Amino acid sequence: MAAVATLAPAPARIADILDRRLAGERLGDDDALALLASRDLVAVGTAASELRNRASDPDVVTFNIDRNVNYTNFCITDCDFCAFYRRPMDPEGYVLPKSVIFRKIEETLDLGGTALLLQGGHHPNLRIEWYEDLFSDIKSRYPIHLHALSPSEILHVSKISKLDLDETMRRLRDAGHDSLPGGGAEILVDRVRQVIAPRKTTSDEWLGVMRAAHRVGMSTSATMMYGTVDTWEDRVEHLRRLRDLQDEGHDGGFRAFVCWSYQSGGGSARGDDHAHTTAADYLMMLAVSRLYLDNFPHFQSSWVTQGLRIGQLALEFGCDDMGSIMIEENVVRAAGTAFRLDRERMVRAIEATGRRAVQRDTLYRAVATF
């Protein structure tokens, strides 16, 4: 079911919540729900923007250049919302050979890219040795950051390799794995996950992989895909579980948060009521996330799913980063969304908001200023 209709809280209550947050107080779940129910996009967005400006240079927006390479589309998980995957033996399935991956890396470096975002399906036969060989070979050849494998992929690899998560993460890190993307989080509520991705990780399993990565000193990002069968309460629970894990204070940690609305073009995970997946709802969800996730350093605009204009508006609702120019992206494209930019257009898009563009690497270190 979609978000439950709730009477808007009194404006005085919303003002009190925002005043307390701006004074440094942590929001509770009821506070976040009240903000979502208020539909007061101006007040909530203004507070989120103020916190963004305190945490990052208000005159700067960062972006990075990487390439999202999907090394295989074979997958045995059968997520209802995914239009990209192919079942084993499907003639449209593939596993990229090293030579193709190497060529894509070389093209990325030639375009000023600094990272390879390497993700794929849950292949039934690729054990950890396959990844160790690939990662070590990449690192021996190229000066590139490996931002690779979603938590569900990591869990799959650990299971078919008969390893625990800690050993899996240590071995991948030692082979050259630098950081984890936050894919596959969807909504960290098992009732929702049982509907849209029943064979994927549970909420505890997704968080457990991230915890294992943080324990070995790796940084990660966190995501939220909302708008399938989730409620506002589910979305707030998702945020709370992310904030709680970040509070554990491991050597690694979440580096950034990005959310987006469900893209329905190629999948089928839809409820009956999707009134809460408009552009205004995206901006509200983003702003509330900035206010609630007080221990996250960066927030990315999801212009790839929402479109460039909304991506630019996201900079007024808590975002300090425009994410990647996406030299290559296949999963969202398979769902019918295909927004693309090159570096020059990204710089112009940021400058059009009155800010300076700074190219960063995956760890948010400046690479170039424009």
Protein backbone atom coordinates (compact mmCIF):
# COMPACT_ATOMS: atom_id res chain seq x y z
CA MET A 1 0.00 0.00 0.00
CA ALA A 2 1.12 3.56 -0.57
CA ALA A 3 1.66 6.21 2.07
CA VAL A 4 -1.35 6.57 4.35
CA ALA A 5 -3.24 9.85 4.18
CA THR A 6 -2.66 11.75 7.43
CA LEU A 7 -4.11 15.01 8.69
CA ALA A 8 -1.52 17.73 8.39
CA PRO A 9 -0.04 18.72 11.77
CA ALA A 10 -0.61 22.24 13.04
CA PRO A 11 1.88 24.76 11.62
CA ALA A 12 3.06 25.54 15.14
CA ARG A 13 4.15 21.94 15.64
CA ILE A 14 6.09 21.95 12.36
CA ALA A 15 7.78 25.20 13.30
CA ASP A 16 8.73 23.72 16.69
CA ILE A 17 10.20 20.57 15.09
CA LEU A 18 12.26 22.60 12.63
CA ASP A 19 13.43 25.04 15.31
CA ARG A 20 14.57 22.18 17.52
CA ARG A 21 16.43 20.52 14.65
CA LEU A 22 18.17 23.76 13.65
CA ALA A 23 19.19 24.16 17.29
CA GLY A 24 20.99 20.83 17.08
CA GLU A 25 18.37 18.45 18.48
CA ARG A 26 18.00 15.02 16.87
CA LEU A 27 14.64 14.29 15.24
CA GLY A 28 12.50 11.42 16.42
CA ASP A 29 10.47 9.18 14.15
CA ASP A 30 7.25 11.02 15.04
CA ASP A 31 8.93 14.30 14.10
CA ALA A 32 9.90 12.97 10.67
CA LEU A 33 6.39 11.63 10.09
CA ALA A 34 4.90 14.97 11.05
CA LEU A 35 7.15 16.75 8.57
CA LEU A 36 6.16 14.38 5.77
CA ALA A 37 2.48 14.78 6.62
CA SER A 38 2.72 18.58 6.76
CA ARG A 39 3.33 18.89 3.00
CA ASP A 40 4.98 22.22 3.90
CA LEU A 41 7.68 21.96 1.28
CA VAL A 42 8.87 25.53 1.71
CA ALA A 43 9.46 25.38 5.48
CA VAL A 44 10.94 21.87 5.49
CA GLY A 45 13.07 22.57 2.43
CA THR A 46 14.39 25.82 3.89
CA ALA A 47 15.50 24.06 7.06
CA ALA A 48 17.15 21.27 5.08
CA SER A 49 18.96 23.83 2.96
CA GLU A 50 20.23 25.60 6.08
CA LEU A 51 21.67 22.35 7.44
CA ARG A 52 23.25 21.60 4.07
CA ASN A 53 24.92 25.04 4.06
CA ARG A 54 26.27 24.47 7.57
CA ALA A 55 27.74 21.07 6.66
CA SER A 56 29.25 21.96 3.25
CA ASP A 57 30.45 25.06 1.42
CA PRO A 58 27.17 26.72 0.37
CA ASP A 59 28.78 28.05 -2.81
CA VAL A 60 30.02 24.66 -4.05
CA VAL A 61 28.31 21.65 -5.57
CA THR A 62 30.35 18.53 -6.25
CA PHE A 63 30.02 15.80 -8.85
CA ASN A 64 32.10 12.88 -9.99
CA ILE A 65 32.89 11.04 -13.18
CA ASP A 66 32.66 7.29 -13.10
CA ARG A 67 31.35 4.49 -15.22
CA ASN A 68 28.68 2.07 -14.11
CA VAL A 69 29.76 -1.23 -15.63
CA ASN A 70 27.38 -4.15 -15.20
CA TYR A 71 29.70 -7.13 -15.44
CA THR A 72 26.80 -9.58 -15.75
CA ASN A 73 23.03 -9.42 -16.09
CA PHE A 74 22.49 -13.06 -15.14
CA CYS A 75 20.59 -13.14 -11.86
CA ILE A 76 18.64 -15.66 -9.81
CA THR A 77 16.92 -13.15 -7.51
CA ASP A 78 13.93 -12.25 -9.73
CA CYS A 79 13.21 -8.79 -8.26
CA ASP A 80 9.77 -7.73 -9.41
CA PHE A 81 10.82 -4.14 -10.16
CA CYS A 82 13.95 -4.94 -12.20
CA ALA A 83 13.86 -4.81 -16.00
CA PHE A 84 17.59 -5.38 -16.42
CA TYR A 85 18.29 -8.92 -15.22
CA ARG A 86 18.13 -12.16 -17.23
CA ARG A 87 17.69 -15.64 -15.82
CA PRO A 88 20.48 -18.23 -16.28
CA MET A 89 20.68 -19.61 -19.84
CA ASP A 90 18.71 -16.66 -21.27
CA PRO A 91 20.24 -15.85 -24.70
CA GLU A 92 20.26 -12.15 -23.76
CA GLY A 93 22.40 -12.82 -20.68
CA TYR A 94 26.12 -12.09 -20.53
CA VAL A 95 29.28 -12.02 -18.42
CA LEU A 96 31.71 -9.38 -19.63
CA PRO A 97 35.22 -10.64 -20.43
CA LYS A 98 38.15 -8.83 -18.85
CA SER A 99 39.14 -7.28 -22.17
CA VAL A 100 35.81 -5.45 -22.40
CA ILE A 101 36.00 -4.26 -18.77
CA PHE A 102 39.57 -3.05 -19.33
CA ARG A 103 38.53 -1.11 -22.44
CA LYS A 104 35.69 0.54 -20.51
CA ILE A 105 38.12 1.54 -17.74
CA GLU A 106 40.52 3.05 -20.26
CA GLU A 107 37.71 5.06 -21.82
CA THR A 108 36.66 6.26 -18.35
CA LEU A 109 40.18 7.41 -17.49
CA ASP A 110 40.46 9.17 -20.87
CA LEU A 111 37.28 11.13 -20.03
CA GLY A 112 38.69 12.26 -16.68
CA GLY A 113 36.92 9.61 -14.64
CA THR A 114 38.28 8.42 -11.33
CA ALA A 115 36.14 5.41 -10.42
CA LEU A 116 34.60 2.24 -11.72
CA LEU A 117 31.14 1.44 -10.36
CA LEU A 118 31.06 -2.31 -10.91
CA GLN A 119 27.76 -4.08 -10.26
CA GLY A 120 25.86 -7.02 -11.69
CA GLY A 121 23.32 -9.68 -11.00
CA HIS A 122 23.44 -12.63 -8.60
CA HIS A 123 25.25 -15.02 -10.89
CA PRO A 124 24.88 -18.61 -9.68
CA ASN A 125 28.47 -19.60 -10.51
CA LEU A 126 30.74 -16.62 -9.79
CA ARG A 127 32.57 -17.32 -6.52
CA ILE A 128 34.87 -15.01 -4.62
CA GLU A 129 37.95 -16.17 -6.54
CA TRP A 130 36.46 -14.74 -9.74
CA TYR A 131 36.12 -11.33 -8.12
CA GLU A 132 39.54 -11.46 -6.47
CA ASP A 133 41.17 -12.25 -9.81
CA LEU A 134 39.27 -9.45 -11.59
CA PHE A 135 39.84 -6.83 -8.90
CA SER A 136 43.54 -7.55 -8.48
CA ASP A 137 44.05 -7.52 -12.24
CA ILE A 138 42.27 -4.15 -12.55
CA LYS A 139 44.31 -2.62 -9.74
CA SER A 140 47.60 -3.87 -11.19
CA ARG A 141 46.80 -2.12 -14.48
CA TYR A 142 44.85 1.06 -13.72
CA PRO A 143 44.83 3.92 -11.15
CA ILE A 144 41.10 3.71 -10.57
CA HIS A 145 38.87 3.51 -7.50
CA LEU A 146 36.76 0.34 -7.34
CA HIS A 147 33.32 1.28 -6.06
CA ALA A 148 31.89 -2.17 -6.47
CA LEU A 149 29.22 -4.73 -5.59
CA SER A 150 25.98 -3.98 -3.79
CA PRO A 151 25.32 -5.60 -0.39
CA SER A 152 23.06 -8.21 -1.96
CA GLU A 153 25.87 -9.20 -4.34
CA ILE A 154 28.32 -9.43 -1.45
CA LEU A 155 25.95 -11.66 0.51
CA HIS A 156 25.38 -13.84 -2.55
CA VAL A 157 29.14 -14.21 -3.09
CA SER A 158 29.70 -15.08 0.57
CA LYS A 159 26.99 -17.74 0.49
CA ILE A 160 28.05 -19.52 -2.69
CA SER A 161 31.72 -19.27 -1.58
CA LYS A 162 30.82 -20.65 1.88
CA LEU A 163 32.46 -17.74 3.72
CA ASP A 164 31.27 -15.47 6.51
CA LEU A 165 30.77 -11.80 5.77
CA ASP A 166 33.87 -10.57 7.61
CA GLU A 167 36.19 -12.88 5.67
CA THR A 168 34.42 -12.05 2.41
CA MET A 169 34.93 -8.33 2.98
CA ARG A 170 38.56 -8.74 4.03
CA ARG A 171 39.39 -10.80 0.97
CA LEU A 172 37.66 -8.43 -1.43
CA ARG A 173 39.29 -5.40 0.20
CA ASP A 174 42.72 -7.04 -0.04
CA ALA A 175 42.10 -7.75 -3.73
CA GLY A 176 41.48 -4.06 -4.43
CA HIS A 177 37.85 -3.44 -3.52
CA ASP A 178 37.75 0.18 -2.28
CA SER A 179 34.15 1.02 -1.34
CA LEU A 180 30.55 -0.21 -1.60
CA PRO A 181 27.61 1.46 -3.33
CA GLY A 182 24.31 1.41 -1.48
CA GLY A 183 22.26 -0.39 -4.10
CA GLY A 184 19.59 -2.90 -3.16
CA ALA A 185 18.44 -1.11 -0.01
CA GLU A 186 15.06 -0.30 -1.57
CA ILE A 187 13.12 0.05 1.72
CA LEU A 188 14.67 -1.55 4.80
CA VAL A 189 11.39 -3.00 6.00
CA ASP A 190 10.88 -6.71 5.44
CA ARG A 191 7.14 -6.42 4.80
CA VAL A 192 7.97 -4.27 1.76
CA ARG A 193 10.89 -6.41 0.67
CA GLN A 194 8.77 -9.56 0.75
CA VAL A 195 6.53 -7.98 -1.88
CA ILE A 196 9.04 -6.38 -4.25
CA ALA A 197 12.17 -8.54 -3.81
CA PRO A 198 11.40 -11.67 -1.76
CA ARG A 199 14.60 -13.47 -2.77
CA LYS A 200 16.92 -10.54 -2.14
CA THR A 201 18.54 -9.63 1.18
CA THR A 202 16.44 -9.03 4.25
CA SER A 203 16.79 -5.67 5.97
CA ASP A 204 19.11 -7.16 8.60
CA GLU A 205 21.22 -8.85 5.93
CA TRP A 206 21.67 -5.62 3.94
CA LEU A 207 22.67 -3.75 7.07
CA GLY A 208 24.93 -6.64 8.11
CA VAL A 209 26.93 -6.40 4.88
CA MET A 210 27.34 -2.66 5.37
CA ARG A 211 28.41 -3.23 8.97
CA ALA A 212 31.02 -5.77 7.82
CA ALA A 213 32.34 -3.32 5.23
CA HIS A 214 32.55 -0.54 7.81
CA ARG A 215 34.38 -2.85 10.23
CA VAL A 216 37.19 -3.42 7.70
CA GLY A 217 37.49 0.33 7.15
CA MET A 218 35.57 0.64 3.90
CA SER A 219 33.25 3.56 3.27
CA THR A 220 29.87 3.03 1.67
CA SER A 221 26.87 4.94 0.42
CA ALA A 222 23.23 4.42 1.36
CA THR A 223 20.14 4.59 -0.81
CA MET A 224 16.36 4.52 -0.63
CA MET A 225 14.01 3.56 -3.45
CA TYR A 226 10.52 4.50 -2.33
CA GLY A 227 7.11 4.48 -3.98
CA THR A 228 6.31 0.80 -4.45
CA VAL A 229 4.21 -0.58 -1.58
CA ASP A 230 5.81 1.45 1.22
CA THR A 231 4.21 3.88 3.66
CA TRP A 232 5.63 7.02 5.22
CA GLU A 233 6.21 4.97 8.36
CA ASP A 234 8.26 2.48 6.33
CA ARG A 235 10.39 5.25 4.88
CA VAL A 236 11.11 6.69 8.32
CA GLU A 237 12.00 3.24 9.65
CA HIS A 238 14.43 2.92 6.74
CA LEU A 239 16.09 6.20 7.72
CA ARG A 240 16.23 5.21 11.38
CA ARG A 241 18.00 1.95 10.63
CA LEU A 242 20.58 3.77 8.52
CA ARG A 243 21.15 6.36 11.24
CA ASP A 244 21.46 3.69 13.91
CA LEU A 245 24.15 1.83 11.95
CA GLN A 246 26.07 5.05 11.35
CA ASP A 247 25.89 5.72 15.09
CA GLU A 248 27.88 2.53 15.72
CA GLY A 249 30.97 4.50 14.66
CA HIS A 250 33.05 1.88 12.85
CA ASP A 251 36.28 2.84 11.05
CA GLY A 252 34.38 2.99 7.77
CA GLY A 253 30.90 4.40 7.51
CA PHE A 254 28.23 5.84 5.26
CA ARG A 255 29.66 8.61 3.16
CA ALA A 256 26.49 9.75 1.39
CA PHE A 257 22.74 9.23 1.04
CA VAL A 258 20.68 9.26 -2.14
CA CYS A 259 16.97 8.55 -2.60
CA TRP A 260 14.74 8.26 -5.63
CA SER A 261 11.23 7.28 -6.56
CA TYR A 262 10.43 3.92 -8.11
CA GLN A 263 10.87 3.93 -11.91
CA SER A 264 8.09 1.78 -13.31
CA GLY A 265 8.94 1.57 -17.00
CA GLY A 266 10.16 -2.03 -17.14
CA GLY A 267 9.14 -3.60 -13.84
CA SER A 268 5.85 -4.44 -12.20
CA ALA A 269 6.18 -3.73 -8.47
CA ARG A 270 3.33 -1.26 -8.13
CA GLY A 271 0.66 -0.74 -5.57
CA ASP A 272 -2.74 0.75 -6.30
CA ASP A 273 -2.06 4.28 -5.12
CA HIS A 274 1.05 6.19 -6.14
CA ALA A 275 0.08 9.74 -5.27
CA HIS A 276 3.30 10.12 -3.30
CA THR A 277 5.82 9.72 -6.12
CA THR A 278 5.60 13.21 -7.61
CA ALA A 279 8.49 15.66 -7.92
CA ALA A 280 7.23 17.52 -4.85
CA ASP A 281 7.21 14.31 -2.86
CA TYR A 282 10.76 13.55 -3.96
CA LEU A 283 11.91 16.96 -2.73
CA MET A 284 10.05 16.49 0.55
CA MET A 285 11.50 13.01 1.08
CA LEU A 286 14.97 14.38 0.37
CA ALA A 287 14.58 17.33 2.73
CA VAL A 288 13.27 15.17 5.57
CA SER A 289 16.16 12.76 5.01
CA ARG A 290 18.68 15.61 5.35
CA LEU A 291 17.00 16.71 8.59
CA TYR A 292 16.76 13.19 10.03
CA LEU A 293 20.13 11.72 8.97
CA ASP A 294 22.19 14.07 11.11
CA ASN A 295 25.26 11.80 10.98
CA PHE A 296 25.55 11.60 7.17
CA PRO A 297 28.06 13.99 5.60
CA HIS A 298 26.74 14.19 2.02
CA PHE A 299 23.44 14.00 0.14
CA GLN A 300 23.23 13.33 -3.59
CA SER A 301 20.68 14.61 -6.05
CA SER A 302 19.12 11.81 -8.09
CA TRP A 303 18.88 13.71 -11.37
CA VAL A 304 19.39 10.42 -13.25
CA THR A 305 15.91 9.29 -12.17
CA GLN A 306 14.13 12.60 -11.54
CA GLY A 307 15.39 14.64 -14.49
CA LEU A 308 17.87 17.51 -14.58
CA ARG A 309 15.52 20.31 -13.52
CA ILE A 310 14.37 18.45 -10.42
CA GLY A 311 17.98 17.41 -9.85
CA GLN A 312 18.94 21.07 -9.76
CA LEU A 313 16.04 21.90 -7.43
CA ALA A 314 17.29 19.16 -5.09
CA LEU A 315 20.24 21.45 -4.35
CA GLU A 316 17.75 23.73 -2.55
CA PHE A 317 16.39 20.85 -0.45
CA GLY A 318 19.48 19.46 1.24
CA CYS A 319 21.77 18.15 -1.50
CA ASP A 320 25.38 19.23 -1.79
CA ASP A 321 26.30 16.82 -4.59
CA MET A 322 25.04 15.98 -8.08
CA GLY A 323 26.38 12.43 -8.15
CA SER A 324 27.95 11.11 -11.33
CA ILE A 325 27.71 12.15 -14.97
CA MET A 326 27.11 8.43 -15.61
CA ILE A 327 29.31 7.59 -18.59
CA GLU A 328 27.37 4.34 -18.70
CA GLU A 329 24.18 3.30 -16.89
CA ASN A 330 22.03 0.32 -17.78
CA VAL A 331 19.68 -0.61 -14.93
CA VAL A 332 17.68 2.63 -14.68
CA ARG A 333 17.78 2.89 -18.49
CA ALA A 334 16.19 -0.55 -18.72
CA ALA A 335 13.32 0.81 -16.61
CA GLY A 336 12.65 3.52 -19.18
CA THR A 337 14.56 6.47 -17.69
CA ALA A 338 17.55 7.79 -19.61
CA PHE A 339 18.75 11.21 -18.46
CA ARG A 340 22.40 11.79 -19.49
CA LEU A 341 25.01 14.54 -19.10
CA ASP A 342 28.64 15.08 -20.03
CA ARG A 343 31.09 17.04 -17.88
CA GLU A 344 30.55 20.37 -19.62
CA ARG A 345 26.76 20.16 -19.31
CA MET A 346 27.04 19.11 -15.67
CA VAL A 347 29.23 22.12 -14.91
CA ARG A 348 26.76 24.42 -16.69
CA ALA A 349 23.84 22.85 -14.81
CA ILE A 350 25.53 23.53 -11.46
CA GLU A 351 26.59 27.04 -12.43
CA ALA A 352 23.00 27.79 -13.46
CA THR A 353 22.06 27.43 -9.78
CA GLY A 354 24.56 30.14 -8.82
CA ARG A 355 27.18 27.77 -7.39
CA ARG A 356 30.65 26.61 -8.38
CA ALA A 357 31.16 23.11 -9.72
CA VAL A 358 33.90 20.93 -8.22
CA GLN A 359 34.71 17.52 -9.61
CA ARG A 360 35.39 15.06 -6.76
CA ASP A 361 36.46 11.48 -6.41
CA THR A 362 34.42 8.76 -4.68
CA LEU A 363 35.76 9.79 -1.27
CA TYR A 364 34.73 13.42 -1.85
CA ARG A 365 38.25 14.71 -2.42
CA ALA A 366 38.47 17.56 -4.96
CA VAL A 367 39.83 16.59 -8.37
CA ALA A 368 39.12 19.72 -10.44
CA THR A 369 37.45 23.11 -9.97
CA PHE A 370 35.61 24.94 -12.72
